[in-house]
Amino acid sequence: MAARGSLTERFELQSSDWAGAALAPQMPLVGEVRSVLDALQKGDISASAYDTAYVARLRRKGHEDQLAFPQTLGWLLRHQNPDGSFGTRLAVPKERLLSTLGAVLALADLPPNLQAGAQVHRARTQALTYLHEETADWQTGPDTAGFEVLLPALLDEARTRELPLPYERFNGIVAQRDAKIGHIPPRLVYNVQTPLLHSLEYLGARLDVAGIRTRLSANGSFANSPSATAFFLTRGDDDRCWEYLDAVVRPRTDGSLPVVQPFEVFETAWVLYNLARANHRPAEAHRHLLGLAQALGDDGVGVSREGLRPDADDTALTLSVLHRFGYPISMGPLRPFEGVNFFMTFPLERDPSVTTNAHVLEVLQACSSFPRQHLLQQKLIRFLRDARVDGDHWVDKWHSSPFYATAHAVFALLAPAPDLCQPALRWLAKAQREDGSWGWFGEGSAEETAYAVLACLAAPPAMIAGLRLDLDAAERFLTQPQEDQVLPMFIGKTLYGPTQVVRSAVLAARILLSRRAS
């Protein structure tokens, strides 16, 4: 990568070239694209029942009988699922288990005057019933980030409070926790900026309150996590943490908390990447590109400029976006993440990510020639080839739908390994629903349909010729009003939906479909 200063200078030099390149009226969906770009940096993201429950445990200073954020309890009571659970309604049992157990603990922790209420009692009873009767399948489906260390911590708290739960059902999770953190130095979380900080609550009663203060971010959070920050405040105190949580809660107005905040690098990189897939290079994107360039360092970039350590996925997407908008890139910022057989999203990662490696492969193809380029390309292709499910599609740890993983793998492999894409395109064609949509969880969604459309239209016409694809029906589906256009499907500690990222994917698909028809 060029030095940060020189890259910034290139942005400034080229800004005059962009002055006349604003979104032209003849471009399709120009208003919608402007709307997405204008909304960047506002932090639009779905609510997390898990994080909201953690913040609902906090008390006002000097008033143990009053909640610090009473609106969080209201949100929890309004958003309990019909079956008594909290969290997603999708078939992701681990997320629902974690969110429901977190909510039960919050309800059990309420001041006596609030616990006596009929609505609270009913919500707690229904959630406990769910945990007894509906969690036999808890080990199925995708993992959520940190699940194997977070669930044991919640179960330990539940035992301390003598909550009536089927503890024996979850005995295996302790072995999974030990496998994850057994090889990690116990003091690591206190000494370096590790992803474990985002799940700080896994420490439970073992937290060293004084020792962890040095890891507090400049924005007052622990790794941009409302739940980790609230956990700290249940054991320690710091005005910066209170200010962070207040700043997150206040603009949301409904009492909910998200799973991460801020996340501006991730949001910007994914939005511009999606728009670039529709060949949009709007002048309005210039200031956002400059922000990405300034955030990118020699060791990469993370979800946000502060709070979270660099990771390969955000680094690769940032590099890819800069390249697509005409700026020089290199593999330099991705070197810290190279492993023996694949690239790691984070150091010490046990399970590699398909989409992270696909994004790295895209960057590799965009770089100028260098000595190890071919070897790295073959490594990444082998990894993606071997990671296929049933030889025709992909799943990923960062998104619950295989349509996301498959689309991003196809984007990366079309040029260097088209033979791996043909089965994936056939799989996508077979998965299209009668109404033109794609959806993994019982019905079609705009987001998943967008990924399938983008993958199919990225392929040369000869590759999709003969496939039973109804792109006209897909376009009709994407243009009709969607009740839940942003369904939380990205995977963090819980499922989440980054609003502008999803909107940009749908817009990109609609733009390409409209051009196909014109």
Protein backbone atom coordinates (compact mmCIF):
# COMPACT_ATOMS: atom_id res chain seq x y z
CA MET A 1 0.00 0.00 0.00
CA ALA A 2 1.25 3.46 -0.72
CA ALA A 3 2.08 5.46 2.39
CA ARG A 4 -1.02 6.82 4.03
CA GLY A 5 -0.04 10.41 3.33
CA SER A 6 0.61 9.81 -0.37
CA LEU A 7 -2.71 7.99 -0.78
CA THR A 8 -4.54 10.89 0.85
CA GLU A 9 -2.75 13.25 -1.54
CA ARG A 10 -3.96 11.16 -4.48
CA PHE A 11 -7.51 11.53 -3.21
CA GLU A 12 -7.10 15.28 -3.07
CA LEU A 13 -5.51 15.42 -6.52
CA GLN A 14 -8.28 13.34 -8.06
CA SER A 15 -11.11 15.15 -6.29
CA SER A 16 -11.23 17.72 -9.08
CA ASP A 17 -11.74 14.89 -11.58
CA TRP A 18 -14.74 13.79 -9.57
CA ALA A 19 -16.36 17.20 -9.45
CA GLY A 20 -18.32 16.57 -12.63
CA ALA A 21 -18.92 12.91 -11.96
CA ALA A 22 -21.85 13.23 -9.55
CA LEU A 23 -24.74 10.86 -9.97
CA ALA A 24 -26.30 11.84 -13.26
CA PRO A 25 -30.11 12.01 -13.53
CA GLN A 26 -30.13 9.31 -16.20
CA MET A 27 -28.58 6.79 -13.86
CA PRO A 28 -31.14 4.33 -12.47
CA LEU A 29 -32.30 4.76 -8.86
CA VAL A 30 -30.22 7.91 -8.43
CA GLY A 31 -32.32 9.15 -5.52
CA GLU A 32 -32.08 5.86 -3.64
CA VAL A 33 -28.28 5.75 -4.05
CA ARG A 34 -27.96 9.30 -2.73
CA SER A 35 -30.17 8.37 0.20
CA VAL A 36 -27.90 5.47 1.17
CA LEU A 37 -24.74 7.57 0.88
CA ASP A 38 -26.30 10.40 2.90
CA ALA A 39 -27.21 7.93 5.66
CA LEU A 40 -23.67 6.61 6.13
CA GLN A 41 -22.06 7.24 9.53
CA LYS A 42 -25.43 7.43 11.30
CA GLY A 43 -25.02 3.95 12.74
CA ASP A 44 -28.28 2.47 11.45
CA ILE A 45 -28.36 -1.12 12.68
CA SER A 46 -30.90 -3.55 14.07
CA ALA A 47 -31.50 -4.08 17.78
CA SER A 48 -29.86 -6.83 19.82
CA ALA A 49 -31.94 -8.37 22.62
CA TYR A 50 -28.72 -9.73 24.17
CA ASP A 51 -27.03 -6.32 24.42
CA THR A 52 -30.26 -4.62 25.47
CA ALA A 53 -30.65 -7.14 28.31
CA TYR A 54 -27.14 -6.45 29.58
CA VAL A 55 -27.76 -2.70 29.68
CA ALA A 56 -31.12 -3.31 31.37
CA ARG A 57 -29.23 -4.67 34.39
CA LEU A 58 -27.60 -1.33 35.20
CA ARG A 59 -28.82 0.84 38.08
CA ARG A 60 -28.73 4.59 38.52
CA LYS A 61 -25.80 5.66 40.64
CA GLY A 62 -26.93 5.87 44.25
CA HIS A 63 -30.38 4.47 43.42
CA GLU A 64 -30.32 0.67 43.46
CA ASP A 65 -34.09 0.54 43.06
CA GLN A 66 -34.02 2.42 39.72
CA LEU A 67 -32.81 1.30 36.30
CA ALA A 68 -30.14 3.45 34.71
CA PHE A 69 -31.83 3.02 31.33
CA PRO A 70 -35.49 2.14 32.08
CA GLN A 71 -36.40 2.26 28.39
CA THR A 72 -34.42 -0.97 27.86
CA LEU A 73 -36.89 -2.95 29.98
CA GLY A 74 -39.78 -1.59 27.95
CA TRP A 75 -38.07 -2.67 24.73
CA LEU A 76 -37.45 -6.19 26.04
CA LEU A 77 -41.06 -6.65 27.12
CA ARG A 78 -42.33 -5.41 23.77
CA HIS A 79 -40.03 -7.66 21.77
CA GLN A 80 -40.40 -11.06 23.35
CA ASN A 81 -41.18 -13.62 20.65
CA PRO A 82 -44.55 -15.47 20.71
CA ASP A 83 -42.81 -18.70 21.80
CA GLY A 84 -41.31 -16.96 24.86
CA SER A 85 -37.82 -16.54 23.42
CA PHE A 86 -35.87 -13.36 22.76
CA GLY A 87 -33.68 -12.56 19.77
CA THR A 88 -34.02 -13.81 16.23
CA ARG A 89 -37.02 -15.66 14.87
CA LEU A 90 -34.80 -17.33 12.29
CA ALA A 91 -33.65 -20.92 12.68
CA VAL A 92 -30.47 -19.99 14.53
CA PRO A 93 -30.92 -21.74 17.90
CA LYS A 94 -27.67 -20.54 19.47
CA GLU A 95 -28.49 -16.88 18.99
CA ARG A 96 -31.96 -17.36 20.42
CA LEU A 97 -30.61 -19.35 23.38
CA LEU A 98 -28.03 -16.68 24.21
CA SER A 99 -30.50 -13.80 23.88
CA THR A 100 -33.21 -15.56 25.89
CA LEU A 101 -30.88 -16.53 28.72
CA GLY A 102 -29.51 -12.98 28.81
CA ALA A 103 -33.05 -11.59 28.99
CA VAL A 104 -34.04 -14.03 31.78
CA LEU A 105 -31.07 -12.88 33.84
CA ALA A 106 -32.00 -9.23 33.27
CA LEU A 107 -35.60 -9.88 34.32
CA ALA A 108 -34.46 -11.85 37.37
CA ASP A 109 -32.12 -9.00 38.32
CA LEU A 110 -34.75 -6.26 38.32
CA PRO A 111 -35.40 -4.24 41.49
CA PRO A 112 -38.17 -5.83 43.60
CA ASN A 113 -40.70 -3.13 42.73
CA LEU A 114 -40.34 -3.97 39.01
CA GLN A 115 -40.19 -7.74 39.43
CA ALA A 116 -43.61 -7.69 41.08
CA GLY A 117 -45.29 -6.50 37.90
CA ALA A 118 -47.54 -8.97 36.10
CA GLN A 119 -45.98 -8.29 32.70
CA VAL A 120 -42.45 -8.92 33.97
CA HIS A 121 -43.53 -12.10 35.76
CA ARG A 122 -45.27 -13.39 32.65
CA ALA A 123 -42.29 -12.59 30.41
CA ARG A 124 -39.86 -14.33 32.76
CA THR A 125 -42.09 -17.41 33.06
CA GLN A 126 -42.55 -17.70 29.30
CA ALA A 127 -38.80 -17.34 28.72
CA LEU A 128 -37.97 -20.02 31.30
CA THR A 129 -40.55 -22.31 29.70
CA TYR A 130 -38.91 -21.76 26.32
CA LEU A 131 -35.47 -22.60 27.73
CA HIS A 132 -36.85 -25.87 29.13
CA GLU A 133 -39.02 -26.96 26.23
CA GLU A 134 -37.57 -25.50 23.03
CA THR A 135 -33.77 -25.71 23.28
CA ALA A 136 -33.11 -29.40 22.62
CA ASP A 137 -31.69 -28.40 19.21
CA TRP A 138 -29.36 -25.74 20.62
CA GLN A 139 -26.24 -27.28 19.06
CA THR A 140 -27.60 -27.07 15.50
CA GLY A 141 -27.24 -24.25 13.00
CA PRO A 142 -24.54 -21.61 12.69
CA ASP A 143 -22.41 -20.45 15.60
CA THR A 144 -22.53 -16.88 16.78
CA ALA A 145 -19.32 -15.02 17.60
CA GLY A 146 -18.01 -15.98 21.03
CA PHE A 147 -20.92 -18.32 21.76
CA GLU A 148 -18.77 -21.00 23.36
CA VAL A 149 -17.39 -18.57 25.94
CA LEU A 150 -20.51 -16.45 26.48
CA LEU A 151 -23.01 -19.24 27.16
CA PRO A 152 -20.97 -20.76 30.03
CA ALA A 153 -20.67 -17.32 31.63
CA LEU A 154 -24.45 -16.83 31.49
CA LEU A 155 -25.06 -20.32 32.87
CA ASP A 156 -22.69 -19.61 35.75
CA GLU A 157 -24.71 -16.49 36.59
CA ALA A 158 -27.96 -18.42 36.35
CA ARG A 159 -26.66 -21.05 38.78
CA THR A 160 -25.61 -18.34 41.22
CA ARG A 161 -29.17 -16.99 41.15
CA GLU A 162 -30.58 -20.55 41.40
CA LEU A 163 -32.68 -20.11 38.29
CA PRO A 164 -34.57 -23.28 37.30
CA LEU A 165 -32.88 -24.28 34.04
CA PRO A 166 -31.96 -27.59 32.33
CA TYR A 167 -28.25 -27.14 33.04
CA GLU A 168 -27.33 -30.71 32.14
CA ARG A 169 -28.47 -30.08 28.57
CA PHE A 170 -25.58 -27.66 28.08
CA ASN A 171 -22.78 -29.64 29.73
CA GLY A 172 -20.75 -29.87 26.50
CA ILE A 173 -20.32 -26.12 26.21
CA VAL A 174 -17.69 -26.03 28.94
CA ALA A 175 -15.41 -28.31 26.91
CA GLN A 176 -15.95 -26.07 23.88
CA ARG A 177 -15.00 -23.01 25.95
CA ASP A 178 -11.85 -24.68 27.21
CA ALA A 179 -10.89 -25.66 23.66
CA LYS A 180 -11.27 -22.05 22.52
CA ILE A 181 -9.42 -20.23 25.28
CA GLY A 182 -7.25 -22.95 26.78
CA HIS A 183 -4.29 -22.06 24.57
CA ILE A 184 -4.70 -18.29 25.09
CA PRO A 185 -2.62 -16.69 27.88
CA PRO A 186 -5.00 -15.78 30.75
CA ARG A 187 -3.77 -12.16 30.89
CA LEU A 188 -3.94 -11.59 27.13
CA VAL A 189 -7.23 -9.69 27.32
CA TYR A 190 -5.65 -7.23 29.78
CA ASN A 191 -2.52 -6.57 27.74
CA VAL A 192 -3.40 -6.40 24.04
CA GLN A 193 -6.25 -5.28 21.81
CA THR A 194 -7.75 -8.73 21.31
CA PRO A 195 -11.21 -9.60 19.89
CA LEU A 196 -11.92 -11.15 23.31
CA LEU A 197 -12.52 -7.62 24.59
CA HIS A 198 -15.69 -7.50 22.48
CA SER A 199 -16.95 -10.44 24.56
CA LEU A 200 -15.51 -9.24 27.87
CA GLU A 201 -18.48 -10.62 29.79
CA TYR A 202 -17.11 -14.14 29.27
CA LEU A 203 -14.83 -13.48 32.28
CA GLY A 204 -17.75 -13.26 34.70
CA ALA A 205 -16.62 -13.14 38.33
CA ARG A 206 -12.99 -13.55 37.23
CA LEU A 207 -12.80 -10.02 35.82
CA ASP A 208 -9.88 -7.96 37.10
CA VAL A 209 -11.63 -4.57 37.22
CA ALA A 210 -8.48 -2.54 37.77
CA GLY A 211 -6.50 -4.45 35.18
CA ILE A 212 -9.07 -4.13 32.41
CA ARG A 213 -9.33 -0.33 32.62
CA THR A 214 -6.25 0.02 30.43
CA ARG A 215 -8.17 -1.61 27.56
CA LEU A 216 -11.01 0.94 27.61
CA SER A 217 -11.33 2.58 24.20
CA ALA A 218 -11.19 6.31 23.64
CA ASN A 219 -14.94 6.27 22.93
CA GLY A 220 -15.65 4.84 26.40
CA SER A 221 -16.48 1.31 25.29
CA PHE A 222 -14.86 -2.06 25.51
CA ALA A 223 -14.32 -2.97 21.85
CA ASN A 224 -17.43 -1.07 20.71
CA SER A 225 -19.69 -3.56 22.51
CA PRO A 226 -22.64 -2.25 24.56
CA SER A 227 -22.95 -5.60 26.37
CA ALA A 228 -19.24 -5.80 27.25
CA THR A 229 -19.31 -2.19 28.44
CA ALA A 230 -22.45 -2.76 30.52
CA PHE A 231 -20.89 -5.90 31.99
CA PHE A 232 -17.91 -3.84 33.18
CA LEU A 233 -20.27 -1.34 34.83
CA THR A 234 -21.93 -4.12 36.84
CA ARG A 235 -18.55 -4.66 38.51
CA GLY A 236 -16.69 -1.37 38.17
CA ASP A 237 -17.38 2.25 37.37
CA ASP A 238 -16.14 4.76 34.82
CA ASP A 239 -17.88 7.90 33.62
CA ARG A 240 -16.62 7.28 30.08
CA CYS A 241 -18.55 3.99 29.94
CA TRP A 242 -21.76 5.69 31.07
CA GLU A 243 -21.27 8.39 28.46
CA TYR A 244 -20.70 5.79 25.74
CA LEU A 245 -23.90 3.88 26.59
CA ASP A 246 -25.92 7.08 26.85
CA ALA A 247 -24.64 8.16 23.43
CA VAL A 248 -25.70 4.83 21.94
CA VAL A 249 -29.13 4.63 23.62
CA ARG A 250 -30.27 8.24 23.15
CA PRO A 251 -30.54 8.47 19.33
CA ARG A 252 -32.22 5.07 19.00
CA THR A 253 -35.32 6.33 20.92
CA ASP A 254 -36.91 2.87 21.32
CA GLY A 255 -34.76 1.67 24.23
CA SER A 256 -32.78 -0.93 22.28
CA LEU A 257 -29.03 -1.45 21.99
CA PRO A 258 -27.15 -2.81 18.95
CA VAL A 259 -24.52 -5.53 19.00
CA VAL A 260 -21.78 -3.09 17.92
CA GLN A 261 -21.40 0.69 17.78
CA PRO A 262 -19.66 2.40 16.07
CA PHE A 263 -19.01 0.34 12.94
CA GLU A 264 -18.42 3.05 10.34
CA VAL A 265 -15.52 1.40 8.47
CA PHE A 266 -17.47 -1.81 7.95
CA GLU A 267 -20.60 0.07 6.91
CA THR A 268 -18.79 2.34 4.45
CA ALA A 269 -16.66 -0.39 2.88
CA TRP A 270 -19.57 -2.78 2.34
CA VAL A 271 -21.89 -0.09 0.96
CA LEU A 272 -19.34 1.20 -1.55
CA TYR A 273 -18.35 -2.36 -2.48
CA ASN A 274 -21.98 -3.21 -3.26
CA LEU A 275 -22.50 -0.05 -5.30
CA ALA A 276 -19.27 -0.66 -7.19
CA ARG A 277 -20.63 -4.07 -8.19
CA ALA A 278 -23.34 -2.13 -10.03
CA ASN A 279 -20.61 0.00 -11.65
CA HIS A 280 -21.56 3.07 -9.64
CA ARG A 281 -18.69 5.49 -8.92
CA PRO A 282 -20.56 8.51 -7.60
CA ALA A 283 -18.76 11.70 -6.66
CA GLU A 284 -20.74 11.72 -3.41
CA ALA A 285 -18.64 8.74 -2.32
CA HIS A 286 -15.42 10.78 -2.31
CA ARG A 287 -15.48 11.86 1.33
CA HIS A 288 -16.27 8.32 2.42
CA LEU A 289 -13.38 6.94 0.39
CA LEU A 290 -11.07 9.48 1.95
CA GLY A 291 -12.22 8.30 5.37
CA LEU A 292 -11.42 4.68 4.46
CA ALA A 293 -7.98 5.65 3.17
CA GLN A 294 -7.21 7.58 6.34
CA ALA A 295 -8.38 4.68 8.54
CA LEU A 296 -6.25 2.10 6.72
CA GLY A 297 -2.88 1.51 8.32
CA ASP A 298 0.09 -0.77 7.65
CA ASP A 299 -1.55 -3.44 9.81
CA GLY A 300 -4.97 -3.07 8.20
CA VAL A 301 -8.23 -1.67 9.54
CA GLY A 302 -11.09 -2.94 11.69
CA VAL A 303 -14.85 -2.51 11.88
CA SER A 304 -14.26 1.00 13.22
CA ARG A 305 -11.34 3.40 13.42
CA GLU A 306 -11.37 2.96 17.19
CA GLY A 307 -12.36 0.27 19.63
CA LEU A 308 -11.78 -2.83 17.51
CA ARG A 309 -8.49 -4.21 16.30
CA PRO A 310 -7.77 -4.60 12.54
CA ASP A 311 -9.13 -7.69 10.83
CA ALA A 312 -8.57 -9.23 7.41
CA ASP A 313 -12.18 -8.91 6.27
CA ASP A 314 -12.56 -5.16 6.75
CA THR A 315 -9.01 -4.65 5.48
CA ALA A 316 -9.68 -6.63 2.30
CA LEU A 317 -13.01 -4.89 1.60
CA THR A 318 -11.43 -1.48 2.16
CA LEU A 319 -8.59 -2.31 -0.24
CA SER A 320 -11.03 -3.70 -2.78
CA VAL A 321 -13.18 -0.56 -2.63
CA LEU A 322 -10.19 1.74 -3.02
CA HIS A 323 -9.10 -0.25 -6.07
CA ARG A 324 -12.58 -0.16 -7.61
CA PHE A 325 -12.61 3.61 -7.26
CA GLY A 326 -9.25 3.95 -8.97
CA TYR A 327 -6.62 4.03 -6.23
CA PRO A 328 -3.44 1.96 -5.96
CA ILE A 329 -3.35 -0.90 -3.47
CA SER A 330 -1.03 -3.68 -2.36
CA MET A 331 -1.23 -6.80 -0.21
CA GLY A 332 0.87 -5.16 2.52
CA PRO A 333 -1.91 -4.52 5.08
CA LEU A 334 -3.09 -8.14 4.71
CA ARG A 335 0.25 -9.79 5.44
CA PRO A 336 -0.32 -10.04 9.24
CA PHE A 337 -3.32 -12.30 8.58
CA GLU A 338 -1.70 -14.93 6.37
CA GLY A 339 -1.81 -18.47 7.73
CA VAL A 340 -0.42 -21.73 6.39
CA ASN A 341 -3.50 -22.72 4.37
CA PHE A 342 -5.71 -19.63 4.45
CA PHE A 343 -5.97 -16.06 5.70
CA MET A 344 -7.31 -15.54 9.22
CA THR A 345 -9.87 -12.87 10.00
CA PHE A 346 -8.18 -12.38 13.38
CA PRO A 347 -4.97 -13.84 14.83
CA LEU A 348 -5.51 -17.08 16.81
CA GLU A 349 -8.73 -17.74 14.85
CA ARG A 350 -9.76 -21.41 15.02
CA ASP A 351 -12.34 -21.46 12.20
CA PRO A 352 -11.44 -19.64 8.98
CA SER A 353 -13.98 -17.53 7.13
CA VAL A 354 -14.95 -18.27 3.53
CA THR A 355 -15.86 -14.69 2.72
CA THR A 356 -12.73 -13.24 4.33
CA ASN A 357 -10.61 -15.45 2.08
CA ALA A 358 -12.76 -14.61 -0.93
CA HIS A 359 -12.27 -10.91 -0.25
CA VAL A 360 -8.50 -11.39 0.10
CA LEU A 361 -8.49 -13.23 -3.25
CA GLU A 362 -10.22 -10.27 -4.89
CA VAL A 363 -7.55 -7.92 -3.52
CA LEU A 364 -4.80 -10.25 -4.70
CA GLN A 365 -6.12 -10.15 -8.26
CA ALA A 366 -6.23 -6.34 -8.19
CA CYS A 367 -2.62 -5.89 -7.06
CA SER A 368 0.37 -5.29 -9.27
CA SER A 369 2.53 -8.34 -9.86
CA PHE A 370 4.81 -9.48 -7.03
CA PRO A 371 6.87 -12.67 -6.48
CA ARG A 372 4.48 -14.70 -4.29
CA GLN A 373 1.30 -13.64 -6.03
CA HIS A 374 0.66 -16.91 -7.86
CA LEU A 375 1.38 -19.03 -4.78
CA LEU A 376 -1.01 -16.99 -2.66
CA GLN A 377 -3.68 -17.21 -5.34
CA GLN A 378 -3.41 -21.00 -5.49
CA LYS A 379 -3.56 -21.20 -1.68
CA LEU A 380 -6.78 -19.19 -1.60
CA ILE A 381 -8.37 -21.09 -4.48
CA ARG A 382 -7.57 -24.42 -2.80
CA PHE A 383 -9.09 -23.22 0.46
CA LEU A 384 -12.29 -22.04 -1.23
CA ARG A 385 -12.51 -25.21 -3.31
CA ASP A 386 -12.20 -27.42 -0.23
CA ALA A 387 -14.61 -25.27 1.82
CA ARG A 388 -17.55 -25.97 -0.49
CA VAL A 389 -20.65 -27.65 0.90
CA ASP A 390 -21.77 -30.57 -1.31
CA GLY A 391 -19.39 -29.30 -3.96
CA ASP A 392 -21.66 -26.47 -5.07
CA HIS A 393 -22.09 -23.71 -2.49
CA TRP A 394 -20.53 -22.06 0.56
CA VAL A 395 -21.49 -21.10 4.11
CA ASP A 396 -19.69 -18.58 6.29
CA LYS A 397 -19.18 -17.63 9.92
CA TRP A 398 -20.07 -13.96 9.41
CA HIS A 399 -23.46 -14.37 7.73
CA SER A 400 -26.24 -16.85 8.40
CA SER A 401 -27.37 -17.23 4.79
CA PRO A 402 -25.36 -19.35 2.32
CA PHE A 403 -26.47 -17.00 -0.46
CA TYR A 404 -24.17 -14.31 0.95
CA ALA A 405 -21.18 -16.64 1.19
CA THR A 406 -21.81 -18.20 -2.20
CA ALA A 407 -22.18 -14.86 -3.96
CA HIS A 408 -18.94 -13.50 -2.49
CA ALA A 409 -17.05 -16.69 -3.34
CA VAL A 410 -18.32 -16.48 -6.92
CA PHE A 411 -17.22 -12.84 -7.18
CA ALA A 412 -13.68 -13.84 -6.23
CA LEU A 413 -13.43 -17.04 -8.26
CA LEU A 414 -14.97 -16.05 -11.58
CA ALA A 415 -11.65 -14.93 -13.08
CA PRO A 416 -9.07 -17.33 -11.58
CA ALA A 417 -11.22 -20.50 -11.15
CA PRO A 418 -14.45 -20.32 -13.18
CA ASP A 419 -14.83 -24.11 -12.95
CA LEU A 420 -15.67 -23.70 -9.26
CA CYS A 421 -18.38 -21.17 -10.09
CA GLN A 422 -20.46 -23.21 -12.51
CA PRO A 423 -21.81 -25.63 -9.85
CA ALA A 424 -22.52 -22.66 -7.58
CA LEU A 425 -24.51 -20.89 -10.29
CA ARG A 426 -26.51 -24.06 -10.91
CA TRP A 427 -27.17 -24.29 -7.17
CA LEU A 428 -28.36 -20.68 -7.11
CA ALA A 429 -30.68 -21.28 -10.07
CA LYS A 430 -32.24 -24.32 -8.41
CA ALA A 431 -32.75 -22.39 -5.17
CA GLN A 432 -34.84 -19.61 -6.73
CA ARG A 433 -38.39 -19.54 -5.39
CA GLU A 434 -41.57 -19.33 -7.42
CA ASP A 435 -42.02 -15.64 -6.59
CA GLY A 436 -38.54 -14.88 -8.00
CA SER A 437 -36.85 -14.54 -4.63
CA TRP A 438 -34.14 -16.42 -2.75
CA GLY A 439 -34.31 -17.21 0.95
CA TRP A 440 -32.78 -19.76 3.29
CA PHE A 441 -35.13 -19.40 6.25
CA GLY A 442 -38.52 -20.44 4.96
CA GLU A 443 -39.29 -17.48 2.71
CA GLY A 444 -37.54 -15.12 0.36
CA SER A 445 -35.81 -11.93 1.50
CA ALA A 446 -34.70 -8.88 -0.43
CA GLU A 447 -31.14 -9.16 0.89
CA GLU A 448 -30.64 -12.81 -0.08
CA THR A 449 -32.30 -12.23 -3.45
CA ALA A 450 -29.88 -9.38 -4.09
CA TYR A 451 -26.85 -11.59 -3.42
CA ALA A 452 -28.10 -14.30 -5.77
CA VAL A 453 -28.85 -11.76 -8.52
CA LEU A 454 -25.45 -10.07 -8.13
CA ALA A 455 -23.66 -13.42 -8.39
CA CYS A 456 -25.58 -14.49 -11.48
CA LEU A 457 -25.14 -11.15 -13.27
CA ALA A 458 -21.42 -11.07 -12.44
CA ALA A 459 -20.95 -14.23 -14.48
CA PRO A 460 -20.43 -14.12 -18.26
CA PRO A 461 -23.71 -14.73 -20.12
CA ALA A 462 -22.43 -18.09 -21.38
CA MET A 463 -22.09 -19.37 -17.80
CA ILE A 464 -25.74 -18.77 -16.93
CA ALA A 465 -27.13 -19.68 -20.36
CA GLY A 466 -29.47 -22.63 -20.01
CA LEU A 467 -29.98 -22.17 -16.28
CA ARG A 468 -33.58 -21.86 -15.16
CA LEU A 469 -33.23 -18.34 -13.81
CA ASP A 470 -36.18 -15.97 -13.80
CA LEU A 471 -34.52 -12.60 -13.43
CA ASP A 472 -37.70 -10.77 -14.39
CA ALA A 473 -39.43 -12.32 -11.39
CA ALA A 474 -36.44 -11.44 -9.21
CA GLU A 475 -36.72 -7.82 -10.32
CA ARG A 476 -40.44 -7.76 -9.54
CA PHE A 477 -39.73 -9.17 -6.08
CA LEU A 478 -37.04 -6.58 -5.36
CA THR A 479 -39.17 -3.65 -6.49
CA GLN A 480 -42.21 -4.51 -4.38
CA PRO A 481 -42.43 -3.10 -0.84
CA GLN A 482 -40.68 -5.35 1.68
CA GLU A 483 -42.13 -5.65 5.16
CA ASP A 484 -38.73 -6.62 6.61
CA GLN A 485 -36.19 -5.42 4.06
CA VAL A 486 -33.45 -5.46 6.71
CA LEU A 487 -33.77 -8.83 8.40
CA PRO A 488 -30.86 -9.41 10.83
CA MET A 489 -28.69 -12.08 9.18
CA PHE A 490 -25.10 -10.91 9.65
CA ILE A 491 -23.42 -12.76 12.51
CA GLY A 492 -21.82 -11.10 15.52
CA LYS A 493 -22.44 -12.04 19.13
CA THR A 494 -26.04 -12.00 17.93
CA LEU A 495 -27.54 -11.65 14.45
CA TYR A 496 -27.68 -8.09 13.18
CA GLY A 497 -28.78 -6.13 10.15
CA PRO A 498 -26.65 -3.13 9.07
CA THR A 499 -29.36 -1.09 7.38
CA GLN A 500 -27.37 0.75 4.71
CA VAL A 501 -25.29 -2.30 3.82
CA VAL A 502 -28.43 -4.31 3.10
CA ARG A 503 -30.05 -1.40 1.25
CA SER A 504 -26.97 -0.99 -0.95
CA ALA A 505 -26.94 -4.69 -1.88
CA VAL A 506 -30.59 -4.54 -2.90
CA LEU A 507 -29.99 -1.31 -4.82
CA ALA A 508 -27.01 -2.79 -6.66
CA ALA A 509 -29.09 -5.78 -7.76
CA ARG A 510 -31.96 -3.56 -8.89
CA ILE A 511 -29.60 -1.30 -10.85
CA LEU A 512 -28.07 -4.23 -12.72
CA LEU A 513 -31.49 -5.74 -13.40
CA SER A 514 -32.80 -2.45 -14.78
CA ARG A 515 -29.78 -2.10 -17.07
CA ARG A 516 -30.29 -5.64 -18.30
CA ALA A 517 -33.82 -4.74 -19.32
CA SER A 518 -32.93 -1.42 -20.99
